[in-house]
Amino acid sequence: MFEGLVNTANLMKALGLVFEPTTLLIIFLASFYGLFFGAIPGLTATMATALLVPVTFFMDPVPAIGAIIAATAMAIFSGDVPGVLLRIPGTPASAAYTDEAYEMTKKGQSELALGACLVFSVIGGLFGSAALVLTAPSLAEFALKFSTFEYFWLACLGLTCAVFVSRGDPLKGVISLCFGLGVAQIGIDVVHGTPRYTFGSISLSGGVDLVPALVGFFAIPELIRNVTANYGRVEVVTQKIGSVFRGQWDLFKRYPVNNFRGNVIGVLIGALPGAGADIAAWISYAVSKKFSKEPEKFGTGHVEGLVDAGAANNSALGGAWVPALVFGIPGDSITAIVIGVLYMKGMNPGPTVFIKSQELVYALFIVFFLANLLMIPFGWAMIKASRRILSVPREVLMPVILLFCVVGSFAIENSLFNVGVMLVMGIIGYLFEENGIPTSPAILGLVLGKMIEENFLLSMIKVGGNVAGLFERPIGGTLGALTLVIWIAPFAWLGWRAMRLRAAA
């Protein structure tokens, strides 16, 4: 089915699209943008992606997607820099090993820590890119056998994974998920054509626009926190940073298993809906400590954990694109935004994108490799310029970011209503985070809510309302059974535990 995808003609077309001067310029500019955003504590990679979306309206598909890929990859890496120098992670993906990296800085090993973060981030990014290239076409061929039954259960399974991989109280994850599903129901009923939860507002008839909701959910809470925290100007550690590449080859030879393990964990965790780079980094760091020959050194400035987690958080990016591109199910918050951009550019996510947009898919693959290779020179420059970048005053930066949020939300449909949506969602997102409620399940609920509803209703029409019909097809039945097992398992475990406690008493 996909043999034509790998022919020379498609590859040459893709190379021409990527290495066109304007496209390369946009990728370079997006790379610097991502490096800056990731390096400023509080400005996350997701926020950088959300603010970049309105700009992509005016671009062709390849530079638009290329800009997002480059900005995201650079932001995930550069979040390590303030973690090493300030003990303040620039992005959540860097939080897992910030203490370890800062302990190395206090021991005079900042250049070794920064070099490890850079080198193993590049290796992880390339590994994730290779995983995307090798697995996505095969999965797409398999996904062509899917009907509404399979997509319904797959979306349900994705939402379930999002709740269970969220850190903290699972109940709060369910609350966040239900909120996102509720917002997804706003608008015109896809079957009966009747308005729901619009409260008479014509603007709500089309539902809540994804982009202003995402910008509000991720950008506004950070702005509020930064304003109320009043960080002001921060000073970078005065330790001189020499050659960041010195000693990296020795680390590569010393920890090959750690490197490979971190890459694999990153890809697998990244492919889980709702997980993302930050959870991949935490899990990889924990696994590194568990299987280390020197676990007692962890927490004292030991580079081993940085090798695992640094590789995992960047390899997770490629992993997250696999379900997003093949099934239209986001692997993390960033790919939730990307799915909207893909739809805008005519690259509708799903298995058929590998047939209808072959050269664009190949161009996307090439951009992944290019962005991660560019991380070597750009990341080196970022580390050298870290003192200036990290000392930007908050009172200058925050108003500019707020302006971008307002203009970006307005520009989508030239509507002040979308600005209001952004502000309301931003306040809700802030309240969520202040009360320990994760935001990723809400975003996935918003993205996948309509997909679940439409596929469920169409499936019910096909089987005449017989719920058992959801399990009749082999693939659909398997996915359905797996989803139900995951739903039931926690309650069964609690019941078994209660029985054991009563028996022991």
Protein backbone atom coordinates (compact mmCIF):
# COMPACT_ATOMS: atom_id res chain seq x y z
CA MET A 1 0.00 0.00 0.00
CA PHE A 2 2.77 2.45 0.96
CA GLU A 3 5.49 1.30 -1.42
CA GLY A 4 5.18 4.56 -3.38
CA LEU A 5 6.01 6.52 -0.28
CA VAL A 6 9.69 5.62 -0.43
CA ASN A 7 10.41 6.19 -4.10
CA THR A 8 13.09 8.58 -5.26
CA ALA A 9 10.62 11.06 -6.75
CA ASN A 10 8.85 11.60 -3.44
CA LEU A 11 12.15 11.94 -1.61
CA MET A 12 13.50 14.52 -4.06
CA LYS A 13 10.28 16.53 -3.86
CA ALA A 14 10.49 16.48 -0.07
CA LEU A 15 14.15 17.56 -0.11
CA GLY A 16 13.25 20.43 -2.43
CA LEU A 17 10.47 21.55 -0.10
CA VAL A 18 12.65 21.46 3.02
CA PHE A 19 15.85 22.98 1.61
CA GLU A 20 14.09 25.84 -0.12
CA PRO A 21 15.76 29.06 1.20
CA THR A 22 12.60 30.52 2.75
CA THR A 23 11.80 27.26 4.54
CA LEU A 24 15.35 27.01 5.92
CA LEU A 25 15.20 30.61 7.12
CA ILE A 26 11.91 29.96 8.93
CA ILE A 27 13.34 26.81 10.54
CA PHE A 28 16.43 28.75 11.70
CA LEU A 29 14.34 31.57 13.15
CA ALA A 30 11.99 29.10 14.86
CA SER A 31 15.02 27.33 16.33
CA PHE A 32 16.26 30.53 17.98
CA TYR A 33 12.72 31.28 19.13
CA GLY A 34 12.45 27.84 20.74
CA LEU A 35 15.87 28.18 22.39
CA PHE A 36 14.87 31.51 23.92
CA PHE A 37 11.50 30.25 25.17
CA GLY A 38 12.91 27.09 26.67
CA ALA A 39 15.70 28.97 28.45
CA ILE A 40 13.39 31.39 30.26
CA PRO A 41 12.00 29.63 33.37
CA GLY A 42 8.22 29.44 33.15
CA LEU A 43 7.99 29.74 29.36
CA THR A 44 7.35 26.15 28.33
CA ALA A 45 7.78 24.38 24.99
CA THR A 46 4.00 23.99 24.81
CA MET A 47 3.53 27.71 25.32
CA ALA A 48 6.09 28.41 22.59
CA THR A 49 4.19 26.12 20.22
CA ALA A 50 0.81 27.66 21.04
CA LEU A 51 2.08 31.20 20.40
CA LEU A 52 3.67 30.08 17.12
CA VAL A 53 0.42 28.72 15.68
CA PRO A 54 -1.10 32.07 14.57
CA VAL A 55 2.11 32.86 12.67
CA THR A 56 1.85 29.58 10.75
CA PHE A 57 -1.48 30.72 9.21
CA PHE A 58 0.53 32.67 6.67
CA MET A 59 2.97 29.88 5.78
CA ASP A 60 2.94 26.92 3.44
CA PRO A 61 2.58 23.47 5.08
CA VAL A 62 6.27 22.49 5.21
CA PRO A 63 7.66 25.72 6.75
CA ALA A 64 4.69 25.85 9.14
CA ILE A 65 5.22 22.31 10.45
CA GLY A 66 8.99 22.74 10.27
CA ALA A 67 8.84 25.83 12.46
CA ILE A 68 6.85 23.99 15.13
CA ILE A 69 9.15 20.93 15.09
CA ALA A 70 12.31 23.06 15.32
CA ALA A 71 10.95 25.32 18.06
CA THR A 72 9.75 22.37 20.13
CA ALA A 73 12.98 20.38 19.89
CA MET A 74 15.10 23.42 20.78
CA ALA A 75 12.85 24.45 23.68
CA ILE A 76 12.98 21.00 25.27
CA PHE A 77 16.78 21.08 25.23
CA SER A 78 17.27 24.70 26.28
CA GLY A 79 15.07 24.14 29.33
CA ASP A 80 18.10 22.27 30.72
CA VAL A 81 20.28 25.40 30.74
CA PRO A 82 18.59 27.32 33.59
CA GLY A 83 18.25 24.02 35.42
CA VAL A 84 22.02 23.53 35.32
CA LEU A 85 22.94 27.15 36.08
CA LEU A 86 20.07 28.35 38.29
CA ARG A 87 18.40 25.20 39.64
CA ILE A 88 15.23 26.43 37.90
CA PRO A 89 14.02 24.11 35.11
CA GLY A 90 13.16 26.05 31.98
CA THR A 91 10.52 23.49 30.96
CA PRO A 92 8.73 20.68 32.86
CA ALA A 93 10.74 18.13 30.85
CA SER A 94 13.92 19.34 32.59
CA ALA A 95 12.55 19.16 36.13
CA ALA A 96 13.38 15.46 36.63
CA TYR A 97 17.12 16.02 36.76
CA THR A 98 17.46 19.70 37.69
CA ASP A 99 18.75 19.00 41.20
CA GLU A 100 21.28 16.51 39.84
CA ALA A 101 22.53 18.95 37.22
CA TYR A 102 22.81 21.84 39.68
CA GLU A 103 24.79 19.67 42.10
CA MET A 104 27.25 19.11 39.25
CA THR A 105 27.48 22.88 38.78
CA LYS A 106 28.28 23.36 42.47
CA LYS A 107 31.07 20.83 42.04
CA GLY A 108 32.52 22.84 39.14
CA GLN A 109 31.17 20.51 36.43
CA SER A 110 28.66 22.83 34.73
CA GLU A 111 30.23 22.39 31.29
CA LEU A 112 30.07 18.58 31.59
CA ALA A 113 26.40 18.79 32.65
CA LEU A 114 25.47 21.20 29.86
CA GLY A 115 27.39 19.13 27.31
CA ALA A 116 25.62 15.95 28.41
CA CYS A 117 22.24 17.66 28.16
CA LEU A 118 23.05 18.88 24.65
CA VAL A 119 24.70 15.77 23.20
CA PHE A 120 22.25 13.22 24.57
CA SER A 121 19.28 15.43 23.68
CA VAL A 122 20.51 15.37 20.07
CA ILE A 123 20.97 11.59 20.16
CA GLY A 124 17.52 11.16 21.71
CA GLY A 125 15.93 13.46 19.13
CA LEU A 126 17.51 11.54 16.26
CA PHE A 127 16.41 8.22 17.79
CA GLY A 128 12.85 9.49 18.15
CA SER A 129 12.92 10.74 14.55
CA ALA A 130 14.07 7.33 13.33
CA ALA A 131 11.32 5.66 15.34
CA LEU A 132 8.76 7.96 13.73
CA VAL A 133 10.02 7.20 10.22
CA LEU A 134 10.16 3.43 10.78
CA THR A 135 6.90 2.90 12.67
CA ALA A 136 4.47 5.50 11.33
CA PRO A 137 4.07 4.10 7.76
CA SER A 138 3.63 0.54 9.07
CA LEU A 139 1.07 1.66 11.62
CA ALA A 140 -0.71 3.67 8.94
CA GLU A 141 -1.05 0.59 6.76
CA PHE A 142 -2.51 -1.25 9.73
CA ALA A 143 -4.78 1.69 10.55
CA LEU A 144 -6.41 1.55 7.11
CA LYS A 145 -8.31 -1.45 8.46
CA PHE A 146 -9.89 0.74 11.13
CA SER A 147 -13.54 1.76 11.03
CA THR A 148 -15.61 3.90 13.40
CA PHE A 149 -15.60 1.05 15.95
CA GLU A 150 -11.80 0.93 16.19
CA TYR A 151 -11.40 4.70 16.29
CA PHE A 152 -13.95 4.96 19.09
CA TRP A 153 -12.13 2.46 21.28
CA LEU A 154 -8.71 3.85 20.37
CA ALA A 155 -9.77 7.34 21.44
CA CYS A 156 -11.22 5.95 24.68
CA LEU A 157 -7.97 4.09 25.33
CA GLY A 158 -6.01 7.28 24.68
CA LEU A 159 -8.05 9.26 27.17
CA THR A 160 -7.68 6.48 29.72
CA CYS A 161 -3.90 6.48 29.33
CA ALA A 162 -3.88 10.25 29.77
CA VAL A 163 -5.51 9.94 33.19
CA PHE A 164 -3.31 7.13 34.43
CA VAL A 165 0.03 8.63 33.34
CA SER A 166 -0.76 12.03 34.87
CA ARG A 167 1.26 12.68 37.98
CA GLY A 168 -0.67 13.11 41.20
CA ASP A 169 -4.17 12.08 42.20
CA PRO A 170 -5.92 10.04 39.46
CA LEU A 171 -9.27 11.51 40.57
CA LYS A 172 -8.02 14.97 39.68
CA GLY A 173 -6.97 13.60 36.30
CA VAL A 174 -10.54 12.34 35.78
CA ILE A 175 -11.93 15.77 36.76
CA SER A 176 -9.65 17.43 34.22
CA LEU A 177 -10.64 14.90 31.54
CA CYS A 178 -14.37 15.41 32.16
CA PHE A 179 -13.93 19.16 31.89
CA GLY A 180 -12.26 18.80 28.48
CA LEU A 181 -14.95 16.39 27.27
CA GLY A 182 -17.64 18.82 28.46
CA VAL A 183 -16.11 21.74 26.56
CA ALA A 184 -15.90 19.52 23.44
CA GLN A 185 -19.69 19.10 23.53
CA ILE A 186 -20.32 22.81 23.07
CA GLY A 187 -21.71 23.61 19.62
CA ILE A 188 -23.98 21.91 17.09
CA ASP A 189 -24.84 18.24 17.65
CA VAL A 190 -23.18 16.29 14.83
CA VAL A 191 -26.15 13.91 14.37
CA HIS A 192 -29.30 15.91 15.08
CA GLY A 193 -27.99 19.37 14.23
CA THR A 194 -29.28 20.95 17.45
CA PRO A 195 -27.24 23.48 19.48
CA ARG A 196 -25.82 22.34 22.84
CA TYR A 197 -24.60 24.51 25.73
CA THR A 198 -24.46 27.60 23.52
CA PHE A 199 -26.72 29.68 25.83
CA GLY A 200 -28.09 31.43 22.78
CA SER A 201 -24.67 32.60 21.61
CA ILE A 202 -24.07 32.36 17.87
CA SER A 203 -20.32 32.47 18.47
CA LEU A 204 -20.53 29.23 20.45
CA SER A 205 -22.50 27.42 17.74
CA GLY A 206 -19.29 26.28 16.09
CA GLY A 207 -17.86 25.08 19.39
CA VAL A 208 -14.83 26.34 21.29
CA ASP A 209 -11.93 27.00 18.93
CA LEU A 210 -8.98 24.82 19.85
CA VAL A 211 -6.16 27.31 19.33
CA PRO A 212 -7.31 30.17 21.64
CA ALA A 213 -8.30 27.54 24.21
CA LEU A 214 -4.81 26.03 24.10
CA VAL A 215 -3.07 29.42 24.17
CA GLY A 216 -5.15 30.40 27.19
CA PHE A 217 -4.72 27.10 28.99
CA PHE A 218 -0.93 27.12 28.72
CA ALA A 219 0.18 30.74 28.39
CA ILE A 220 -2.08 32.69 30.75
CA PRO A 221 -1.41 30.57 33.90
CA GLU A 222 2.33 31.04 33.37
CA LEU A 223 1.87 34.78 32.98
CA ILE A 224 -0.21 34.99 36.16
CA ARG A 225 2.34 32.98 38.12
CA ASN A 226 5.25 35.04 36.84
CA VAL A 227 3.53 38.31 37.69
CA THR A 228 2.48 37.21 41.18
CA ALA A 229 5.86 35.59 41.94
CA ASN A 230 7.73 38.77 40.94
CA TYR A 231 10.94 36.98 40.02
CA GLY A 232 12.52 40.06 38.54
CA ARG A 233 16.04 39.72 37.16
CA VAL A 234 17.95 36.53 37.94
CA GLU A 235 21.69 36.10 37.97
CA VAL A 236 23.36 33.15 36.30
CA VAL A 237 26.08 31.26 38.14
CA THR A 238 29.39 33.03 37.48
CA GLN A 239 31.32 29.81 36.84
CA LYS A 240 33.18 29.94 33.52
CA ILE A 241 31.85 27.57 30.87
CA GLY A 242 34.57 26.10 28.65
CA SER A 243 34.19 23.43 25.97
CA VAL A 244 30.83 21.71 26.52
CA PHE A 245 31.85 18.84 24.24
CA ARG A 246 34.86 17.85 26.34
CA GLY A 247 34.32 14.43 27.92
CA GLN A 248 31.11 13.61 26.03
CA TRP A 249 32.66 10.79 24.00
CA ASP A 250 33.79 9.18 27.25
CA LEU A 251 30.23 9.43 28.60
CA PHE A 252 28.89 7.87 25.40
CA LYS A 253 31.25 4.91 25.75
CA ARG A 254 30.68 4.60 29.49
CA TYR A 255 26.88 4.63 29.42
CA PRO A 256 25.72 3.02 26.14
CA VAL A 257 22.99 1.02 27.88
CA ASN A 258 21.69 4.14 29.65
CA ASN A 259 21.60 6.05 26.42
CA PHE A 260 19.72 3.33 24.54
CA ARG A 261 17.36 2.69 27.44
CA GLY A 262 16.52 6.39 27.75
CA ASN A 263 15.82 6.60 24.02
CA VAL A 264 13.48 3.59 24.07
CA ILE A 265 11.63 4.76 27.19
CA GLY A 266 11.20 8.21 25.65
CA VAL A 267 9.68 6.85 22.43
CA LEU A 268 7.34 4.45 24.24
CA ILE A 269 6.17 6.99 26.84
CA GLY A 270 5.91 9.72 24.22
CA ALA A 271 3.53 7.57 22.17
CA LEU A 272 1.13 7.28 25.12
CA PRO A 273 -1.59 9.93 24.81
CA GLY A 274 -1.16 12.59 27.47
CA ALA A 275 2.29 11.49 28.65
CA GLY A 276 4.88 13.61 26.88
CA ALA A 277 8.52 14.50 27.45
CA ASP A 278 8.26 15.47 31.12
CA ILE A 279 6.81 12.12 32.24
CA ALA A 280 9.31 10.30 29.99
CA ALA A 281 12.16 12.15 31.72
CA TRP A 282 10.89 11.35 35.22
CA ILE A 283 10.43 7.67 34.43
CA SER A 284 13.78 7.39 32.68
CA TYR A 285 15.60 9.08 35.58
CA ALA A 286 13.91 6.75 38.08
CA VAL A 287 14.82 3.68 36.00
CA SER A 288 18.40 4.91 35.71
CA LYS A 289 18.71 5.15 39.49
CA LYS A 290 17.02 1.77 39.98
CA PHE A 291 19.44 -0.11 37.72
CA SER A 292 22.57 1.94 38.38
CA LYS A 293 25.71 0.31 39.79
CA GLU A 294 26.18 3.50 41.82
CA PRO A 295 22.70 4.49 43.05
CA GLU A 296 24.15 6.16 46.14
CA LYS A 297 25.70 8.86 43.92
CA PHE A 298 22.34 10.03 42.59
CA GLY A 299 21.41 13.41 44.07
CA THR A 300 25.05 14.35 44.64
CA GLY A 301 25.86 15.52 41.11
CA HIS A 302 26.07 12.26 39.16
CA VAL A 303 25.97 12.54 35.37
CA GLU A 304 24.44 9.09 34.78
CA GLY A 305 20.88 10.27 35.38
CA LEU A 306 21.33 13.11 32.89
CA VAL A 307 22.29 10.62 30.17
CA ASP A 308 19.06 8.63 30.59
CA ALA A 309 16.62 11.48 31.14
CA GLY A 310 18.22 13.88 28.65
CA ALA A 311 17.84 11.28 25.91
CA ALA A 312 14.31 10.38 26.96
CA ASN A 313 12.77 13.85 26.91
CA ASN A 314 13.85 14.52 23.31
CA SER A 315 13.15 11.04 21.94
CA ALA A 316 9.63 11.42 23.36
CA LEU A 317 8.95 14.16 20.80
CA GLY A 318 9.23 11.76 17.87
CA GLY A 319 7.22 9.14 19.77
CA ALA A 320 4.40 11.61 20.41
CA TRP A 321 4.08 12.31 16.68
CA VAL A 322 3.37 8.66 15.85
CA PRO A 323 -0.24 8.49 17.20
CA ALA A 324 -0.82 12.11 16.17
CA LEU A 325 0.11 11.53 12.54
CA VAL A 326 -1.30 8.01 12.12
CA PHE A 327 -4.51 8.16 14.20
CA GLY A 328 -5.08 11.87 14.84
CA ILE A 329 -4.64 11.22 18.59
CA PRO A 330 -2.15 13.56 20.28
CA GLY A 331 0.70 11.99 22.20
CA ASP A 332 1.15 15.14 24.29
CA SER A 333 -0.04 18.73 24.60
CA ILE A 334 2.28 19.90 21.82
CA THR A 335 0.96 17.41 19.27
CA ALA A 336 -2.58 18.37 20.32
CA ILE A 337 -1.75 21.81 18.96
CA VAL A 338 0.02 20.34 15.93
CA ILE A 339 -3.07 18.35 14.94
CA GLY A 340 -4.95 21.62 14.53
CA VAL A 341 -2.17 22.99 12.32
CA LEU A 342 -2.13 19.82 10.22
CA TYR A 343 -5.86 20.18 9.58
CA MET A 344 -5.41 23.83 8.61
CA LYS A 345 -2.72 22.90 6.10
CA GLY A 346 -4.75 20.11 4.49
CA MET A 347 -2.66 17.29 6.02
CA ASN A 348 -5.58 15.67 7.82
CA PRO A 349 -4.06 13.29 10.40
CA GLY A 350 -4.84 9.65 9.81
CA PRO A 351 -3.55 6.77 7.69
CA THR A 352 -4.63 8.34 4.41
CA VAL A 353 -2.20 11.24 4.90
CA PHE A 354 0.54 8.80 3.82
CA ILE A 355 -1.28 8.36 0.50
CA LYS A 356 -2.64 11.86 -0.21
CA SER A 357 0.31 13.92 1.08
CA GLN A 358 3.30 11.65 0.54
CA GLU A 359 5.90 14.31 -0.21
CA LEU A 360 4.70 16.44 2.73
CA VAL A 361 5.03 13.50 5.13
CA TYR A 362 8.55 12.85 3.86
CA ALA A 363 9.39 16.53 4.26
CA LEU A 364 8.16 16.32 7.86
CA PHE A 365 10.49 13.37 8.49
CA ILE A 366 13.45 15.28 7.01
CA VAL A 367 12.70 18.33 9.16
CA PHE A 368 12.79 16.16 12.28
CA PHE A 369 16.34 15.04 11.51
CA LEU A 370 17.42 18.52 10.40
CA ALA A 371 16.07 20.21 13.56
CA ASN A 372 17.90 17.79 15.84
CA LEU A 373 21.17 18.14 13.92
CA LEU A 374 20.86 21.94 14.09
CA MET A 375 20.64 21.58 17.85
CA ILE A 376 24.41 20.96 18.00
CA PRO A 377 25.60 24.38 16.72
CA PHE A 378 22.55 26.30 17.92
CA GLY A 379 22.61 24.65 21.33
CA TRP A 380 26.31 25.44 21.70
CA ALA A 381 25.59 29.09 20.86
CA MET A 382 22.70 29.10 23.32
CA ILE A 383 24.91 27.84 26.14
CA LYS A 384 27.51 30.51 25.40
CA ALA A 385 24.84 33.24 25.39
CA SER A 386 23.02 31.93 28.45
CA ARG A 387 24.04 34.78 30.75
CA ARG A 388 22.37 37.39 28.59
CA ILE A 389 19.25 35.35 27.76
CA LEU A 390 18.54 34.30 31.34
CA SER A 391 18.83 37.85 32.66
CA VAL A 392 15.94 39.33 30.60
CA PRO A 393 13.74 41.29 33.06
CA ARG A 394 10.30 39.80 33.64
CA GLU A 395 8.65 43.22 33.54
CA VAL A 396 9.75 43.50 29.90
CA LEU A 397 9.05 39.92 28.82
CA MET A 398 5.60 39.27 30.28
CA PRO A 399 3.69 42.15 28.60
CA VAL A 400 5.15 41.17 25.22
CA ILE A 401 4.00 37.58 25.67
CA LEU A 402 0.50 38.72 26.70
CA LEU A 403 0.34 40.87 23.57
CA PHE A 404 1.24 37.84 21.43
CA CYS A 405 -1.50 35.82 23.15
CA VAL A 406 -4.17 38.44 22.45
CA VAL A 407 -3.11 39.11 18.85
CA GLY A 408 -2.74 35.41 18.08
CA SER A 409 -6.19 34.52 19.44
CA PHE A 410 -7.83 37.44 17.63
CA ALA A 411 -6.12 36.69 14.29
CA ILE A 412 -7.60 33.19 13.96
CA GLU A 413 -11.06 34.47 12.97
CA ASN A 414 -10.64 38.23 13.54
CA SER A 415 -12.90 37.76 16.54
CA LEU A 416 -12.78 39.33 19.99
CA PHE A 417 -14.83 36.36 21.14
CA ASN A 418 -11.76 34.14 20.75
CA VAL A 419 -9.78 36.55 22.93
CA GLY A 420 -12.45 36.08 25.59
CA VAL A 421 -12.21 32.30 25.17
CA MET A 422 -8.45 32.52 25.67
CA LEU A 423 -8.79 34.59 28.86
CA VAL A 424 -11.52 32.38 30.35
CA MET A 425 -9.62 29.18 29.59
CA GLY A 426 -6.48 30.79 30.99
CA ILE A 427 -8.15 31.56 34.32
CA ILE A 428 -9.56 28.03 34.48
CA GLY A 429 -6.13 26.59 33.67
CA TYR A 430 -4.57 28.67 36.44
CA LEU A 431 -7.17 27.48 38.95
CA PHE A 432 -6.57 23.89 37.83
CA GLU A 433 -2.83 24.09 38.34
CA GLU A 434 -3.08 25.92 41.66
CA ASN A 435 -5.24 23.07 42.96
CA GLY A 436 -3.06 20.29 41.61
CA ILE A 437 -5.37 19.35 38.73
CA PRO A 438 -3.36 18.35 35.62
CA THR A 439 -4.16 20.17 32.40
CA SER A 440 -3.10 17.53 29.85
CA PRO A 441 -6.21 15.33 30.30
CA ALA A 442 -8.41 18.40 29.76
CA ILE A 443 -6.67 19.22 26.50
CA LEU A 444 -6.95 15.64 25.29
CA GLY A 445 -10.62 15.62 26.23
CA LEU A 446 -11.12 18.80 24.21
CA VAL A 447 -9.25 17.38 21.20
CA LEU A 448 -10.73 13.88 21.25
CA GLY A 449 -14.23 14.59 22.57
CA LYS A 450 -15.81 15.09 19.15
CA MET A 451 -13.90 12.13 17.72
CA ILE A 452 -15.32 9.84 20.42
CA GLU A 453 -18.85 11.16 20.02
CA GLU A 454 -18.95 10.99 16.23
CA ASN A 455 -17.46 7.49 16.01
CA PHE A 456 -19.70 6.17 18.78
CA LEU A 457 -22.89 7.52 17.21
CA LEU A 458 -21.96 6.33 13.72
CA SER A 459 -21.11 2.89 15.13
CA MET A 460 -24.46 2.73 16.94
CA ILE A 461 -26.25 3.59 13.70
CA LYS A 462 -24.39 0.76 11.93
CA VAL A 463 -25.34 -1.86 14.54
CA GLY A 464 -28.87 -0.62 15.15
CA GLY A 465 -28.17 0.56 18.69
CA ASN A 466 -26.80 -2.79 19.87
CA VAL A 467 -23.87 -1.96 22.21
CA ALA A 468 -22.50 -5.49 21.81
CA GLY A 469 -21.82 -4.61 18.18
CA LEU A 470 -18.89 -2.49 19.36
CA PHE A 471 -17.04 -5.74 20.09
CA GLU A 472 -17.91 -7.69 16.92
CA ARG A 473 -14.88 -6.71 14.80
CA PRO A 474 -11.57 -8.39 15.80
CA ILE A 475 -9.46 -5.24 16.17
CA GLY A 476 -12.29 -3.21 17.68
CA GLY A 477 -13.18 -5.99 20.08
CA THR A 478 -9.57 -6.33 21.22
CA LEU A 479 -9.20 -2.58 21.79
CA GLY A 480 -12.55 -2.50 23.58
CA ALA A 481 -11.63 -5.38 25.87
CA LEU A 482 -8.26 -3.80 26.67
CA THR A 483 -9.91 -0.48 27.49
CA LEU A 484 -12.47 -2.11 29.78
CA VAL A 485 -9.74 -4.08 31.55
CA ILE A 486 -7.84 -0.84 32.22
CA TRP A 487 -11.04 0.80 33.51
CA ILE A 488 -11.94 -2.10 35.78
CA ALA A 489 -8.44 -2.98 37.03
CA PRO A 490 -8.09 -0.16 39.63
CA PHE A 491 -11.47 -0.99 41.20
CA ALA A 492 -10.68 -4.71 41.20
CA TRP A 493 -7.35 -3.99 42.89
CA LEU A 494 -9.00 -1.83 45.54
CA GLY A 495 -11.60 -4.54 46.19
CA TRP A 496 -8.91 -7.23 46.48
CA ARG A 497 -6.90 -5.03 48.84
CA ALA A 498 -9.94 -4.39 51.03
CA MET A 499 -10.64 -8.13 51.20
CA ARG A 500 -7.06 -8.83 52.27
CA LEU A 501 -7.22 -6.16 54.98
CA ARG A 502 -10.47 -7.60 56.34
CA ALA A 503 -9.00 -11.12 56.29
CA ALA A 504 -5.87 -9.92 58.13
CA ALA A 505 -8.01 -8.22 60.78
